[in-house]
Amino acid sequence: MIFLHIPKTGGTSLKYALLENDNTNVEVFPKEGHAFNLSVVNFDCCFAIRDPWERFCSGYWERATMRERREISKTNDFKSFGYSELIPAEENLLKAYPTPNELCKFIRASGQVPGILNELTSSICNWLHTLEEYKKYEHRVKLVFDIKDLTEIAKTKFNIELYKDPFRTRSRELFKKEQSYDVEPDVLNWFKNVYRKNDYDLIDYIKQRDYYV
């Protein structure tokens, strides 16, 4: 089984766990990065879904804490996934818009987000396609679950135990910086009904399918 790695849906936590688990039931794809989408996966696959606003916020805070993550990764003996250096345009945005809510207001006005920040906060349709296109490749999908159930799914479906320490679970507990997921009602309304409408439509469809657990 291939776990299609959509950014901010648990793929890195699975990578860490698989390093020390003798398991052939699942493999994270791709091994590095998030370069491939469902159309190129020619075998049985699974993936995790996540509330789009939570995923957007998680992507924002990963970049906003990138340097802290790099420092923490130096103290462990595992390969560090990600943590590419901020490009100037990213750094300027993170300084000017210090919360996901504020960044979203900027996007609503200009629509431009650069660098890895764009990749981590972008639509899941980049990996799964919009709903009608997704249906063309749906026969490859054997399992979908919510990221909140990742630990249980890893144990019951993949026969592996996830790490409990905050570094390998990518926990916000690692950082002193407050990581707000708060959002103003009008911003959330625009996010759900315009900016990420395709994500919500796709997720609503997936949750009705037999392969969703």
N, C-alpha and C. Protein backbone atom coordinates (compact mmCIF):
# COMPACT_ATOMS: atom_id res chain seq x y z
N MET A 1 0.85 -1.20 0.00
CA MET A 1 0.00 0.00 0.00
C MET A 1 0.89 1.25 0.00
N ILE A 2 0.56 2.19 -0.86
CA ILE A 2 1.28 3.45 -0.93
C ILE A 2 0.49 4.53 -0.18
N PHE A 3 1.16 5.22 0.72
CA PHE A 3 0.56 6.38 1.37
C PHE A 3 0.98 7.61 0.58
N LEU A 4 0.03 8.24 -0.09
CA LEU A 4 0.31 9.42 -0.89
C LEU A 4 0.54 10.61 0.04
N HIS A 5 1.74 11.17 -0.04
CA HIS A 5 2.13 12.21 0.91
C HIS A 5 1.67 13.58 0.43
N ILE A 6 0.53 14.01 0.95
CA ILE A 6 0.04 15.37 0.77
C ILE A 6 0.59 16.18 1.93
N PRO A 7 1.16 17.35 1.69
CA PRO A 7 1.75 18.11 2.80
C PRO A 7 0.77 18.33 3.94
N LYS A 8 1.29 18.18 5.15
CA LYS A 8 0.56 18.43 6.39
C LYS A 8 -0.55 17.43 6.64
N THR A 9 -0.36 16.18 6.21
CA THR A 9 -1.35 15.14 6.49
C THR A 9 -0.71 13.90 7.11
N GLY A 10 0.42 14.05 7.78
CA GLY A 10 0.98 12.95 8.56
C GLY A 10 2.04 12.13 7.88
N GLY A 11 2.42 12.46 6.65
CA GLY A 11 3.40 11.64 5.94
C GLY A 11 4.76 11.61 6.60
N THR A 12 5.20 12.72 7.16
CA THR A 12 6.52 12.74 7.79
C THR A 12 6.53 11.93 9.08
N SER A 13 5.44 11.98 9.83
CA SER A 13 5.34 11.14 11.03
C SER A 13 5.44 9.67 10.67
N LEU A 14 4.79 9.28 9.57
CA LEU A 14 4.89 7.90 9.11
C LEU A 14 6.32 7.56 8.68
N LYS A 15 6.99 8.50 8.01
CA LYS A 15 8.38 8.26 7.59
C LYS A 15 9.26 7.96 8.79
N TYR A 16 9.15 8.76 9.83
CA TYR A 16 9.95 8.51 11.04
C TYR A 16 9.65 7.13 11.60
N ALA A 17 8.38 6.78 11.68
CA ALA A 17 8.00 5.49 12.27
C ALA A 17 8.50 4.33 11.44
N LEU A 18 8.45 4.46 10.12
CA LEU A 18 8.87 3.37 9.25
C LEU A 18 10.37 3.12 9.28
N LEU A 19 11.15 4.11 9.73
CA LEU A 19 12.60 3.93 9.81
C LEU A 19 12.98 2.80 10.76
N GLU A 20 12.16 2.55 11.76
CA GLU A 20 12.50 1.53 12.75
C GLU A 20 11.45 0.43 12.84
N ASN A 21 10.58 0.33 11.83
CA ASN A 21 9.58 -0.71 11.83
C ASN A 21 9.79 -1.60 10.61
N ASP A 22 9.90 -2.89 10.85
CA ASP A 22 10.02 -3.84 9.76
C ASP A 22 8.63 -4.11 9.21
N ASN A 23 8.23 -3.30 8.24
CA ASN A 23 6.85 -3.36 7.76
C ASN A 23 6.84 -3.24 6.24
N THR A 24 6.03 -4.07 5.60
CA THR A 24 5.91 -3.99 4.15
C THR A 24 4.49 -3.64 3.72
N ASN A 25 3.65 -3.27 4.68
CA ASN A 25 2.25 -2.99 4.36
C ASN A 25 2.05 -1.60 3.76
N VAL A 26 2.97 -0.68 4.05
CA VAL A 26 2.78 0.69 3.58
C VAL A 26 4.13 1.33 3.29
N GLU A 27 4.15 2.20 2.30
CA GLU A 27 5.34 2.97 1.97
C GLU A 27 4.89 4.38 1.64
N VAL A 28 5.55 5.37 2.24
CA VAL A 28 5.22 6.76 1.95
C VAL A 28 5.75 7.13 0.57
N PHE A 29 4.89 7.76 -0.23
CA PHE A 29 5.25 8.11 -1.61
C PHE A 29 4.90 9.57 -1.86
N PRO A 30 5.84 10.34 -2.38
CA PRO A 30 7.23 9.97 -2.69
C PRO A 30 8.08 9.91 -1.42
N LYS A 31 9.25 9.31 -1.55
CA LYS A 31 10.12 9.17 -0.39
C LYS A 31 10.61 10.53 0.11
N GLU A 32 10.78 11.47 -0.80
CA GLU A 32 11.21 12.83 -0.44
C GLU A 32 10.24 13.83 -1.07
N GLY A 33 9.87 14.83 -0.31
CA GLY A 33 9.02 15.88 -0.85
C GLY A 33 7.59 15.44 -1.08
N HIS A 34 6.90 16.21 -1.96
CA HIS A 34 5.48 15.96 -2.23
C HIS A 34 5.21 16.14 -3.72
N ALA A 35 6.08 15.59 -4.54
CA ALA A 35 6.12 15.98 -5.95
C ALA A 35 5.06 15.31 -6.83
N PHE A 36 4.42 14.25 -6.34
CA PHE A 36 3.55 13.48 -7.23
C PHE A 36 2.10 13.50 -6.78
N ASN A 37 1.20 13.38 -7.75
CA ASN A 37 -0.23 13.38 -7.42
C ASN A 37 -0.86 12.04 -7.75
N LEU A 38 -2.15 11.93 -7.50
CA LEU A 38 -2.84 10.66 -7.62
C LEU A 38 -2.79 10.08 -9.03
N SER A 39 -2.70 10.93 -10.04
CA SER A 39 -2.72 10.45 -11.42
C SER A 39 -1.50 9.61 -11.78
N VAL A 40 -0.40 9.75 -11.03
CA VAL A 40 0.81 8.98 -11.34
C VAL A 40 1.00 7.78 -10.42
N VAL A 41 0.06 7.56 -9.52
CA VAL A 41 0.16 6.42 -8.59
C VAL A 41 -0.57 5.24 -9.22
N ASN A 42 0.20 4.32 -9.80
CA ASN A 42 -0.40 3.21 -10.53
C ASN A 42 -0.51 1.94 -9.68
N PHE A 43 -0.86 2.10 -8.43
CA PHE A 43 -1.01 0.97 -7.52
C PHE A 43 -1.97 1.38 -6.42
N ASP A 44 -2.34 0.41 -5.57
CA ASP A 44 -3.25 0.70 -4.47
C ASP A 44 -2.65 1.78 -3.57
N CYS A 45 -3.48 2.71 -3.17
CA CYS A 45 -2.94 3.79 -2.34
C CYS A 45 -3.93 4.20 -1.28
N CYS A 46 -3.41 4.95 -0.35
CA CYS A 46 -4.22 5.53 0.71
C CYS A 46 -3.69 6.93 0.99
N PHE A 47 -4.45 7.70 1.72
CA PHE A 47 -3.99 9.02 2.13
C PHE A 47 -4.85 9.51 3.29
N ALA A 48 -4.39 10.56 3.92
CA ALA A 48 -5.12 11.18 5.01
C ALA A 48 -5.70 12.50 4.55
N ILE A 49 -6.86 12.84 5.10
CA ILE A 49 -7.44 14.15 4.85
C ILE A 49 -7.43 14.95 6.14
N ARG A 50 -7.60 16.23 6.00
CA ARG A 50 -7.53 17.12 7.14
C ARG A 50 -8.40 18.34 6.87
N ASP A 51 -9.01 18.86 7.90
CA ASP A 51 -9.78 20.08 7.73
C ASP A 51 -8.92 21.11 7.01
N PRO A 52 -9.39 21.68 5.90
CA PRO A 52 -8.54 22.58 5.11
C PRO A 52 -8.02 23.79 5.87
N TRP A 53 -8.83 24.36 6.77
CA TRP A 53 -8.31 25.50 7.53
C TRP A 53 -7.19 25.06 8.47
N GLU A 54 -7.36 23.94 9.15
CA GLU A 54 -6.31 23.43 10.03
C GLU A 54 -5.04 23.14 9.24
N ARG A 55 -5.20 22.58 8.07
CA ARG A 55 -4.04 22.27 7.24
C ARG A 55 -3.34 23.55 6.79
N PHE A 56 -4.10 24.56 6.41
CA PHE A 56 -3.52 25.84 6.03
C PHE A 56 -2.71 26.43 7.19
N CYS A 57 -3.29 26.40 8.38
CA CYS A 57 -2.60 26.94 9.56
C CYS A 57 -1.34 26.15 9.87
N SER A 58 -1.43 24.82 9.78
CA SER A 58 -0.27 23.98 10.05
C SER A 58 0.87 24.28 9.09
N GLY A 59 0.53 24.47 7.81
CA GLY A 59 1.55 24.84 6.83
C GLY A 59 2.18 26.18 7.12
N TYR A 60 1.34 27.14 7.51
CA TYR A 60 1.85 28.46 7.87
C TYR A 60 2.85 28.35 9.01
N TRP A 61 2.45 27.64 10.08
CA TRP A 61 3.30 27.60 11.27
C TRP A 61 4.55 26.76 11.07
N GLU A 62 4.50 25.79 10.16
CA GLU A 62 5.74 25.06 9.87
C GLU A 62 6.80 26.01 9.32
N ARG A 63 6.39 26.89 8.40
CA ARG A 63 7.35 27.84 7.86
C ARG A 63 7.74 28.90 8.88
N ALA A 64 6.78 29.34 9.68
CA ALA A 64 7.06 30.39 10.67
C ALA A 64 8.00 29.90 11.77
N THR A 65 8.06 28.58 11.99
CA THR A 65 8.95 28.01 13.02
C THR A 65 10.10 27.23 12.38
N MET A 66 10.35 27.47 11.10
CA MET A 66 11.34 26.67 10.37
C MET A 66 12.70 26.69 11.04
N ARG A 67 13.17 27.85 11.45
CA ARG A 67 14.52 27.92 12.03
C ARG A 67 14.58 27.21 13.37
N GLU A 68 13.52 27.31 14.17
CA GLU A 68 13.47 26.56 15.42
C GLU A 68 13.48 25.06 15.15
N ARG A 69 12.75 24.63 14.12
CA ARG A 69 12.73 23.22 13.76
C ARG A 69 14.12 22.72 13.35
N ARG A 70 14.82 23.55 12.61
CA ARG A 70 16.18 23.18 12.22
C ARG A 70 17.07 22.98 13.43
N GLU A 71 16.99 23.88 14.39
CA GLU A 71 17.82 23.77 15.59
C GLU A 71 17.47 22.53 16.38
N ILE A 72 16.18 22.25 16.53
CA ILE A 72 15.75 21.06 17.27
C ILE A 72 16.22 19.79 16.56
N SER A 73 16.19 19.80 15.23
CA SER A 73 16.58 18.60 14.49
C SER A 73 18.06 18.27 14.68
N LYS A 74 18.87 19.26 15.04
CA LYS A 74 20.29 19.01 15.27
C LYS A 74 20.53 18.17 16.52
N THR A 75 19.56 18.10 17.41
CA THR A 75 19.74 17.40 18.68
C THR A 75 19.26 15.97 18.64
N ASN A 76 18.74 15.51 17.48
CA ASN A 76 18.28 14.13 17.41
C ASN A 76 19.09 13.39 16.35
N ASP A 77 18.99 12.07 16.37
CA ASP A 77 19.83 11.27 15.49
C ASP A 77 19.06 10.75 14.28
N PHE A 78 17.96 11.40 13.96
CA PHE A 78 17.18 10.98 12.81
C PHE A 78 17.36 11.96 11.67
N LYS A 79 17.18 11.46 10.46
CA LYS A 79 17.23 12.32 9.30
C LYS A 79 16.16 13.41 9.42
N SER A 80 16.53 14.62 9.09
CA SER A 80 15.58 15.74 9.16
C SER A 80 14.89 15.89 7.81
N PHE A 81 13.57 15.84 7.83
CA PHE A 81 12.80 15.99 6.60
C PHE A 81 12.39 17.45 6.45
N GLY A 82 12.66 18.02 5.30
CA GLY A 82 12.20 19.37 5.04
C GLY A 82 13.08 20.44 5.62
N TYR A 83 12.45 21.49 6.12
CA TYR A 83 13.13 22.63 6.74
C TYR A 83 13.99 23.40 5.75
N SER A 84 13.53 23.55 4.52
CA SER A 84 14.25 24.37 3.55
C SER A 84 14.30 25.81 4.04
N GLU A 85 15.40 26.48 3.72
CA GLU A 85 15.57 27.87 4.16
C GLU A 85 14.46 28.76 3.59
N LEU A 86 14.03 29.72 4.38
CA LEU A 86 13.05 30.68 3.91
C LEU A 86 13.65 31.55 2.81
N ILE A 87 12.90 31.76 1.75
CA ILE A 87 13.34 32.75 0.78
C ILE A 87 12.88 34.12 1.27
N PRO A 88 13.51 35.20 0.81
CA PRO A 88 13.18 36.53 1.32
C PRO A 88 11.69 36.88 1.23
N ALA A 89 11.04 36.49 0.16
CA ALA A 89 9.62 36.83 0.00
C ALA A 89 8.77 36.14 1.07
N GLU A 90 9.11 34.88 1.41
CA GLU A 90 8.41 34.19 2.48
C GLU A 90 8.63 34.90 3.81
N GLU A 91 9.89 35.20 4.10
CA GLU A 91 10.23 35.83 5.37
C GLU A 91 9.50 37.16 5.53
N ASN A 92 9.45 37.92 4.47
CA ASN A 92 8.76 39.21 4.52
C ASN A 92 7.27 39.04 4.79
N LEU A 93 6.66 38.04 4.16
CA LEU A 93 5.24 37.80 4.39
C LEU A 93 4.96 37.36 5.83
N LEU A 94 5.79 36.47 6.35
CA LEU A 94 5.59 35.97 7.70
C LEU A 94 5.74 37.08 8.74
N LYS A 95 6.61 38.03 8.46
CA LYS A 95 6.77 39.17 9.36
C LYS A 95 5.60 40.13 9.25
N ALA A 96 5.14 40.36 8.02
CA ALA A 96 4.07 41.32 7.80
C ALA A 96 2.70 40.79 8.21
N TYR A 97 2.54 39.46 8.13
CA TYR A 97 1.25 38.83 8.42
C TYR A 97 1.49 37.72 9.45
N PRO A 98 1.48 38.06 10.74
CA PRO A 98 1.99 37.17 11.78
C PRO A 98 1.05 36.05 12.23
N THR A 99 -0.08 35.87 11.56
CA THR A 99 -0.97 34.74 11.86
C THR A 99 -1.54 34.22 10.55
N PRO A 100 -2.04 32.98 10.53
CA PRO A 100 -2.70 32.48 9.32
C PRO A 100 -3.89 33.34 8.91
N ASN A 101 -4.62 33.85 9.88
CA ASN A 101 -5.75 34.72 9.59
C ASN A 101 -5.30 35.95 8.80
N GLU A 102 -4.22 36.57 9.25
CA GLU A 102 -3.73 37.76 8.56
C GLU A 102 -3.18 37.43 7.17
N LEU A 103 -2.49 36.29 7.06
CA LEU A 103 -2.00 35.89 5.74
C LEU A 103 -3.15 35.63 4.78
N CYS A 104 -4.21 35.03 5.28
CA CYS A 104 -5.36 34.74 4.44
C CYS A 104 -6.00 36.03 3.93
N LYS A 105 -6.03 37.06 4.75
CA LYS A 105 -6.56 38.35 4.29
C LYS A 105 -5.68 38.93 3.19
N PHE A 106 -4.37 38.74 3.33
CA PHE A 106 -3.45 39.16 2.28
C PHE A 106 -3.72 38.41 0.98
N ILE A 107 -3.90 37.10 1.07
CA ILE A 107 -4.15 36.28 -0.12
C ILE A 107 -5.46 36.71 -0.78
N ARG A 108 -6.46 37.00 0.02
CA ARG A 108 -7.74 37.43 -0.54
C ARG A 108 -7.57 38.71 -1.36
N ALA A 109 -6.65 39.56 -0.93
CA ALA A 109 -6.43 40.83 -1.62
C ALA A 109 -5.53 40.68 -2.83
N SER A 110 -4.51 39.78 -2.75
CA SER A 110 -3.52 39.73 -3.82
C SER A 110 -3.37 38.37 -4.48
N GLY A 111 -3.66 37.30 -3.73
CA GLY A 111 -3.59 35.96 -4.28
C GLY A 111 -2.21 35.39 -4.49
N GLN A 112 -1.17 35.98 -3.92
CA GLN A 112 0.19 35.54 -4.19
C GLN A 112 0.89 35.09 -2.90
N VAL A 113 1.33 33.83 -2.89
CA VAL A 113 2.13 33.31 -1.79
C VAL A 113 3.33 32.59 -2.39
N PRO A 114 4.56 32.88 -1.95
CA PRO A 114 5.76 32.32 -2.58
C PRO A 114 6.31 31.10 -1.85
N GLY A 115 7.22 30.42 -2.52
CA GLY A 115 8.09 29.43 -1.90
C GLY A 115 7.39 28.22 -1.31
N ILE A 116 8.07 27.60 -0.35
CA ILE A 116 7.54 26.42 0.33
C ILE A 116 6.26 26.75 1.07
N LEU A 117 6.12 27.98 1.53
CA LEU A 117 4.88 28.40 2.19
C LEU A 117 3.69 28.15 1.27
N ASN A 118 3.86 28.41 -0.01
CA ASN A 118 2.79 28.16 -0.97
C ASN A 118 2.49 26.67 -1.07
N GLU A 119 3.55 25.85 -1.13
CA GLU A 119 3.34 24.40 -1.25
C GLU A 119 2.61 23.84 -0.04
N LEU A 120 3.01 24.25 1.14
CA LEU A 120 2.44 23.68 2.36
C LEU A 120 1.01 24.13 2.62
N THR A 121 0.64 25.28 2.10
CA THR A 121 -0.71 25.80 2.35
C THR A 121 -1.63 25.67 1.13
N SER A 122 -1.16 25.05 0.06
CA SER A 122 -1.94 25.02 -1.17
C SER A 122 -3.04 23.96 -1.12
N SER A 123 -3.89 23.99 -2.11
CA SER A 123 -5.06 23.11 -2.18
C SER A 123 -4.66 21.64 -2.27
N ILE A 124 -5.42 20.76 -1.61
CA ILE A 124 -5.18 19.33 -1.74
C ILE A 124 -5.46 18.86 -3.16
N CYS A 125 -6.16 19.67 -3.94
CA CYS A 125 -6.43 19.31 -5.33
C CYS A 125 -5.16 19.23 -6.16
N ASN A 126 -4.08 19.85 -5.69
CA ASN A 126 -2.80 19.70 -6.37
C ASN A 126 -2.32 18.26 -6.34
N TRP A 127 -2.79 17.48 -5.36
CA TRP A 127 -2.37 16.08 -5.22
C TRP A 127 -3.51 15.11 -5.55
N LEU A 128 -4.74 15.53 -5.33
CA LEU A 128 -5.88 14.63 -5.54
C LEU A 128 -6.75 15.03 -6.73
N HIS A 129 -6.55 16.24 -7.25
CA HIS A 129 -7.34 16.78 -8.34
C HIS A 129 -8.72 17.24 -7.83
N THR A 130 -9.38 18.08 -8.61
CA THR A 130 -10.73 18.48 -8.25
C THR A 130 -11.66 17.29 -8.37
N LEU A 131 -12.85 17.41 -7.86
CA LEU A 131 -13.73 16.26 -7.68
C LEU A 131 -13.94 15.44 -8.95
N GLU A 132 -14.28 16.06 -10.05
CA GLU A 132 -14.57 15.30 -11.27
C GLU A 132 -13.32 14.57 -11.78
N GLU A 133 -12.18 15.21 -11.68
CA GLU A 133 -10.94 14.56 -12.11
C GLU A 133 -10.55 13.46 -11.14
N TYR A 134 -10.76 13.68 -9.86
CA TYR A 134 -10.46 12.68 -8.84
C TYR A 134 -11.19 11.36 -9.14
N LYS A 135 -12.40 11.45 -9.58
CA LYS A 135 -13.19 10.25 -9.84
C LYS A 135 -12.56 9.35 -10.90
N LYS A 136 -11.75 9.91 -11.79
CA LYS A 136 -11.08 9.12 -12.81
C LYS A 136 -10.03 8.18 -12.21
N TYR A 137 -9.47 8.57 -11.08
CA TYR A 137 -8.39 7.80 -10.45
C TYR A 137 -8.83 7.16 -9.14
N GLU A 138 -10.07 7.30 -8.81
CA GLU A 138 -10.57 6.85 -7.51
C GLU A 138 -10.43 5.34 -7.32
N HIS A 139 -10.42 4.59 -8.40
CA HIS A 139 -10.31 3.13 -8.29
C HIS A 139 -8.99 2.71 -7.64
N ARG A 140 -8.00 3.59 -7.61
CA ARG A 140 -6.72 3.28 -6.99
C ARG A 140 -6.76 3.47 -5.47
N VAL A 141 -7.77 4.16 -4.99
CA VAL A 141 -7.84 4.55 -3.57
C VAL A 141 -8.50 3.43 -2.78
N LYS A 142 -7.78 2.89 -1.79
CA LYS A 142 -8.28 1.78 -1.00
C LYS A 142 -8.57 2.16 0.45
N LEU A 143 -8.01 3.28 0.89
CA LEU A 143 -8.20 3.69 2.28
C LEU A 143 -7.97 5.18 2.41
N VAL A 144 -8.90 5.86 3.07
CA VAL A 144 -8.74 7.27 3.42
C VAL A 144 -9.19 7.44 4.86
N PHE A 145 -8.48 8.27 5.60
CA PHE A 145 -8.83 8.50 7.00
C PHE A 145 -8.48 9.93 7.37
N ASP A 146 -9.06 10.39 8.47
CA ASP A 146 -8.75 11.73 8.98
C ASP A 146 -7.42 11.69 9.70
N ILE A 147 -6.64 12.74 9.58
CA ILE A 147 -5.33 12.78 10.22
C ILE A 147 -5.42 12.58 11.73
N LYS A 148 -6.56 12.93 12.33
CA LYS A 148 -6.72 12.74 13.77
C LYS A 148 -6.67 11.27 14.16
N ASP A 149 -6.92 10.39 13.19
CA ASP A 149 -6.91 8.95 13.44
C ASP A 149 -5.61 8.28 12.99
N LEU A 150 -4.60 9.07 12.71
CA LEU A 150 -3.36 8.53 12.16
C LEU A 150 -2.72 7.48 13.06
N THR A 151 -2.64 7.75 14.34
CA THR A 151 -2.00 6.80 15.27
C THR A 151 -2.71 5.46 15.27
N GLU A 152 -4.04 5.49 15.31
CA GLU A 152 -4.81 4.25 15.33
C GLU A 152 -4.73 3.52 14.00
N ILE A 153 -4.79 4.25 12.91
CA ILE A 153 -4.70 3.63 11.58
C ILE A 153 -3.32 3.00 11.39
N ALA A 154 -2.28 3.70 11.82
CA ALA A 154 -0.92 3.15 11.69
C ALA A 154 -0.82 1.81 12.42
N LYS A 155 -1.46 1.73 13.56
CA LYS A 155 -1.38 0.50 14.37
C LYS A 155 -2.25 -0.61 13.78
N THR A 156 -3.49 -0.29 13.43
CA THR A 156 -4.43 -1.33 13.03
C THR A 156 -4.33 -1.71 11.56
N LYS A 157 -3.96 -0.76 10.70
CA LYS A 157 -3.91 -1.04 9.26
C LYS A 157 -2.48 -1.29 8.75
N PHE A 158 -1.50 -0.60 9.35
CA PHE A 158 -0.13 -0.68 8.85
C PHE A 158 0.79 -1.46 9.78
N ASN A 159 0.30 -1.81 10.97
CA ASN A 159 1.08 -2.59 11.93
C ASN A 159 2.36 -1.90 12.37
N ILE A 160 2.28 -0.59 12.57
CA ILE A 160 3.42 0.16 13.08
C ILE A 160 2.97 1.08 14.21
N GLU A 161 3.89 1.40 15.09
CA GLU A 161 3.63 2.33 16.18
C GLU A 161 4.27 3.67 15.85
N LEU A 162 3.50 4.74 15.98
CA LEU A 162 4.06 6.06 15.78
C LEU A 162 4.81 6.49 17.03
N TYR A 163 5.82 7.33 16.84
CA TYR A 163 6.54 7.87 17.97
C TYR A 163 5.65 8.80 18.77
N LYS A 164 5.93 8.89 20.06
CA LYS A 164 5.14 9.76 20.92
C LYS A 164 5.86 11.06 21.26
N ASP A 165 7.17 11.14 20.98
CA ASP A 165 7.88 12.36 21.34
C ASP A 165 7.50 13.48 20.39
N PRO A 166 7.48 14.72 20.87
CA PRO A 166 6.98 15.85 20.08
C PRO A 166 7.72 16.10 18.78
N PHE A 167 9.05 15.84 18.73
CA PHE A 167 9.78 16.12 17.49
C PHE A 167 9.28 15.25 16.35
N ARG A 168 9.17 13.97 16.60
CA ARG A 168 8.79 13.05 15.53
C ARG A 168 7.30 13.08 15.21
N THR A 169 6.50 13.63 16.11
CA THR A 169 5.09 13.83 15.80
C THR A 169 4.83 15.25 15.30
N ARG A 170 5.90 16.05 15.16
CA ARG A 170 5.81 17.41 14.63
C ARG A 170 4.87 18.27 15.48
N SER A 171 4.93 18.08 16.78
CA SER A 171 3.98 18.71 17.68
C SER A 171 4.26 20.19 17.90
N ARG A 172 3.19 20.96 18.05
CA ARG A 172 3.32 22.38 18.41
C ARG A 172 3.88 22.56 19.82
N GLU A 173 3.85 21.51 20.62
CA GLU A 173 4.38 21.58 21.98
C GLU A 173 5.87 21.88 22.00
N LEU A 174 6.54 21.68 20.89
CA LEU A 174 7.98 21.93 20.81
C LEU A 174 8.33 23.41 20.90
N PHE A 175 7.40 24.28 20.61
CA PHE A 175 7.73 25.68 20.38
C PHE A 175 7.11 26.60 21.42
N LYS A 176 7.87 27.59 21.83
CA LYS A 176 7.37 28.58 22.78
C LYS A 176 6.42 29.56 22.09
N LYS A 177 6.60 29.75 20.80
CA LYS A 177 5.77 30.69 20.05
C LYS A 177 4.32 30.20 20.00
N GLU A 178 3.38 31.08 20.36
CA GLU A 178 1.97 30.73 20.25
C GLU A 178 1.63 30.54 18.77
N GLN A 179 0.91 29.47 18.48
CA GLN A 179 0.56 29.16 17.10
C GLN A 179 -0.97 29.18 16.96
N SER A 180 -1.49 30.35 16.70
CA SER A 180 -2.93 30.54 16.65
C SER A 180 -3.54 29.95 15.38
N TYR A 181 -4.67 29.27 15.56
CA TYR A 181 -5.48 28.81 14.44
C TYR A 181 -6.77 29.63 14.36
N ASP A 182 -6.84 30.70 15.11
CA ASP A 182 -8.04 31.54 15.13
C ASP A 182 -8.27 32.17 13.76
N VAL A 183 -9.53 32.40 13.44
CA VAL A 183 -9.87 32.99 12.15
C VAL A 183 -11.13 33.83 12.30
N GLU A 184 -11.14 34.98 11.66
CA GLU A 184 -12.31 35.84 11.68
C GLU A 184 -13.42 35.21 10.83
N PRO A 185 -14.68 35.37 11.25
CA PRO A 185 -15.78 34.72 10.52
C PRO A 185 -15.82 35.04 9.03
N ASP A 186 -15.60 36.30 8.65
CA ASP A 186 -15.67 36.63 7.23
C ASP A 186 -14.50 36.03 6.45
N VAL A 187 -13.34 35.91 7.10
CA VAL A 187 -12.19 35.26 6.46
C VAL A 187 -12.47 33.78 6.26
N LEU A 188 -13.01 33.13 7.27
CA LEU A 188 -13.32 31.70 7.16
C LEU A 188 -14.39 31.46 6.10
N ASN A 189 -15.37 32.34 6.03
CA ASN A 189 -16.41 32.20 5.02
C ASN A 189 -15.81 32.26 3.61
N TRP A 190 -14.91 33.22 3.38
CA TRP A 190 -14.24 33.32 2.08
C TRP A 190 -13.36 32.09 1.83
N PHE A 191 -12.66 31.65 2.86
CA PHE A 191 -11.77 30.50 2.73
C PHE A 191 -12.57 29.26 2.32
N LYS A 192 -13.71 29.03 2.97
CA LYS A 192 -14.50 27.83 2.71
C LYS A 192 -15.27 27.88 1.41
N ASN A 193 -15.78 29.03 1.06
CA ASN A 193 -16.71 29.12 -0.05
C ASN A 193 -16.11 29.65 -1.35
N VAL A 194 -14.87 30.14 -1.26
CA VAL A 194 -14.19 30.63 -2.46
C VAL A 194 -12.81 29.99 -2.59
N TYR A 195 -11.91 30.35 -1.69
CA TYR A 195 -10.50 29.99 -1.82
C TYR A 195 -10.26 28.48 -1.80
N ARG A 196 -10.94 27.78 -0.88
CA ARG A 196 -10.74 26.34 -0.77
C ARG A 196 -12.05 25.56 -0.94
N LYS A 197 -12.96 26.09 -1.70
CA LYS A 197 -14.23 25.40 -1.93
C LYS A 197 -14.01 24.02 -2.54
N ASN A 198 -13.10 23.91 -3.50
CA ASN A 198 -12.84 22.61 -4.13
C ASN A 198 -12.36 21.57 -3.12
N ASP A 199 -11.57 22.01 -2.14
CA ASP A 199 -11.10 21.09 -1.10
C ASP A 199 -12.27 20.56 -0.28
N TYR A 200 -13.13 21.47 0.15
CA TYR A 200 -14.26 21.05 0.97
C TYR A 200 -15.21 20.15 0.18
N ASP A 201 -15.44 20.47 -1.08
CA ASP A 201 -16.30 19.62 -1.91
C ASP A 201 -15.71 18.22 -2.06
N LEU A 202 -14.41 18.15 -2.30
CA LEU A 202 -13.76 16.86 -2.47
C LEU A 202 -13.79 16.05 -1.18
N ILE A 203 -13.50 16.68 -0.07
CA ILE A 203 -13.51 15.98 1.21
C ILE A 203 -14.91 15.49 1.56
N ASP A 204 -15.93 16.30 1.30
CA ASP A 204 -17.30 15.87 1.55
C ASP A 204 -17.64 14.62 0.75
N TYR A 205 -17.18 14.57 -0.49
CA TYR A 205 -17.42 13.40 -1.33
C TYR A 205 -16.68 12.18 -0.78
N ILE A 206 -15.41 12.34 -0.45
CA ILE A 206 -14.59 11.23 0.05
C ILE A 206 -15.19 10.62 1.31
N LYS A 207 -15.72 11.45 2.18
CA LYS A 207 -16.26 10.96 3.46
C LYS A 207 -17.50 10.08 3.26
N GLN A 208 -18.07 10.10 2.09
CA GLN A 208 -19.24 9.26 1.79
C GLN A 208 -18.88 7.94 1.14
N ARG A 209 -17.59 7.74 0.84
CA ARG A 209 -17.17 6.55 0.13
C ARG A 209 -16.87 5.41 1.09
N ASP A 210 -16.96 4.17 0.59
CA ASP A 210 -16.75 2.99 1.43
C ASP A 210 -15.32 2.89 1.94
N TYR A 211 -14.36 3.45 1.24
CA TYR A 211 -12.96 3.34 1.65
C TYR A 211 -12.59 4.35 2.74
N TYR A 212 -13.51 5.24 3.08
CA TYR A 212 -13.23 6.19 4.16
C TYR A 212 -13.58 5.56 5.50
N VAL A 213 -12.63 5.58 6.43
CA VAL A 213 -12.86 4.97 7.74
C VAL A 213 -12.74 6.02 8.84
